[in-house]
């Protein structure tokens, strides 16, 4: 997949994410108190959505919110600067 993305010129900022997502609340086998967490229960244990040892969901969220907004901010700034320069040239 990464090779195909590079061949087509699509920017890859991160390697693929392994996401565990679940609307269900399950009892964690990974905490001393057996806390309730979002995740999936399997015969061998639980896979927790918010546990970075189990899922890249927290990393994906940070990527989309932090880095995605940074990229949006930067591209907006470049667009505005280009527009501003064109307007200054046009009106002078």
Protein backbone atom coordinates (compact mmCIF):
# COMPACT_ATOMS: atom_id res chain seq x y z
CA UNK A 1 0.00 0.00 0.00
CA UNK A 2 2.78 2.43 0.96
CA UNK A 3 4.61 1.70 -2.31
CA UNK A 4 1.45 2.38 -4.35
CA UNK A 5 0.84 5.64 -2.50
CA UNK A 6 4.39 6.79 -3.21
CA UNK A 7 4.10 5.77 -6.90
CA UNK A 8 0.99 7.92 -7.28
CA UNK A 9 2.57 10.87 -5.48
CA UNK A 10 0.26 10.79 -2.46
CA UNK A 11 1.95 12.16 0.66
CA UNK A 12 2.28 9.68 3.49
CA UNK A 13 2.74 11.33 6.87
CA UNK A 14 2.47 8.16 8.98
CA UNK A 15 2.55 4.44 8.49
CA UNK A 16 -0.85 2.74 8.59
CA UNK A 17 -2.67 2.72 11.91
CA UNK A 18 -4.01 -0.38 13.67
CA UNK A 19 -7.30 0.78 15.16
CA UNK A 20 -9.46 -0.95 17.73
CA UNK A 21 -12.75 0.83 18.11
CA UNK A 22 -15.83 -0.25 19.96
CA UNK A 23 -19.03 1.29 21.26
CA UNK A 24 -19.08 -1.36 23.99
CA UNK A 25 -17.82 -1.01 27.54
CA UNK A 26 -15.96 -4.07 28.82
CA UNK A 27 -14.08 -4.93 31.99
CA UNK A 28 -10.35 -4.49 31.53
CA UNK A 29 -8.06 -7.40 32.34
CA UNK A 30 -5.08 -5.03 32.18
CA UNK A 31 -5.74 -2.93 35.26
CA UNK A 32 -5.58 -4.06 38.88
CA UNK A 33 -9.14 -2.95 39.62
CA UNK A 34 -10.69 -4.32 36.40
CA UNK A 35 -11.96 -0.92 35.31
CA UNK A 36 -14.63 -0.53 32.65
CA UNK A 37 -13.15 0.62 29.34
CA UNK A 38 -14.19 0.92 25.70
CA UNK A 39 -12.92 -2.11 23.88
CA UNK A 40 -13.55 -5.59 22.63
CA UNK A 41 -13.68 -8.72 24.76
CA UNK A 42 -12.03 -11.84 23.39
CA UNK A 43 -11.51 -15.28 24.99
CA UNK A 44 -7.85 -14.39 25.60
CA UNK A 45 -8.53 -10.95 27.11
CA UNK A 46 -9.64 -7.45 26.19
CA UNK A 47 -8.43 -5.13 23.47
CA UNK A 48 -8.87 -1.58 24.72
CA UNK A 49 -9.58 1.25 22.30
CA UNK A 50 -7.82 3.92 24.37
CA UNK A 51 -4.82 1.83 25.44
CA UNK A 52 -1.88 2.71 23.21
CA UNK A 53 -0.41 -0.74 23.78
CA UNK A 54 -3.51 -2.19 22.08
CA UNK A 55 -4.69 0.40 19.55
CA UNK A 56 -3.42 3.34 17.53
CA UNK A 57 -6.73 5.17 18.04
CA UNK A 58 -5.24 7.75 20.47
CA UNK A 59 -2.33 8.34 18.05
CA UNK A 60 -4.72 8.71 15.11
CA UNK A 61 -6.82 11.18 17.08
CA UNK A 62 -3.72 13.26 17.90
CA UNK A 63 -2.60 13.09 14.28
CA UNK A 64 -5.93 14.29 12.92
CA UNK A 65 -6.48 16.99 15.50
CA UNK A 66 -2.96 18.31 16.03
CA UNK A 67 -1.05 17.65 12.85
CA UNK A 68 -4.09 17.86 10.59
CA UNK A 69 -5.01 21.26 11.95
CA UNK A 70 -1.39 22.41 11.70
CA UNK A 71 -1.31 21.46 8.03
CA UNK A 72 -4.66 23.19 7.44
CA UNK A 73 -3.39 26.33 9.20
CA UNK A 74 -0.16 26.33 7.18
CA UNK A 75 -1.90 25.79 3.82
CA UNK A 76 -4.42 28.54 4.66
CA UNK A 77 -1.56 30.90 5.50
CA UNK A 78 0.17 30.12 2.17
CA UNK A 79 -3.07 30.64 0.27
CA UNK A 80 -3.72 33.95 2.03
CA UNK A 81 -0.17 35.21 1.40
CA UNK A 82 -0.45 34.35 -2.30
CA UNK A 83 -3.85 36.08 -2.50
CA UNK A 84 -2.53 39.13 -0.65
CA UNK A 85 0.49 39.44 -2.95
CA UNK A 86 -1.76 39.21 -6.03
CA UNK A 87 -4.04 41.92 -4.64
CA UNK A 88 -1.12 44.22 -3.85
CA UNK A 89 0.27 43.80 -7.36
CA UNK A 90 -3.13 44.34 -8.94
CA UNK A 91 -3.88 47.54 -6.99
CA UNK A 92 -0.44 49.16 -7.30
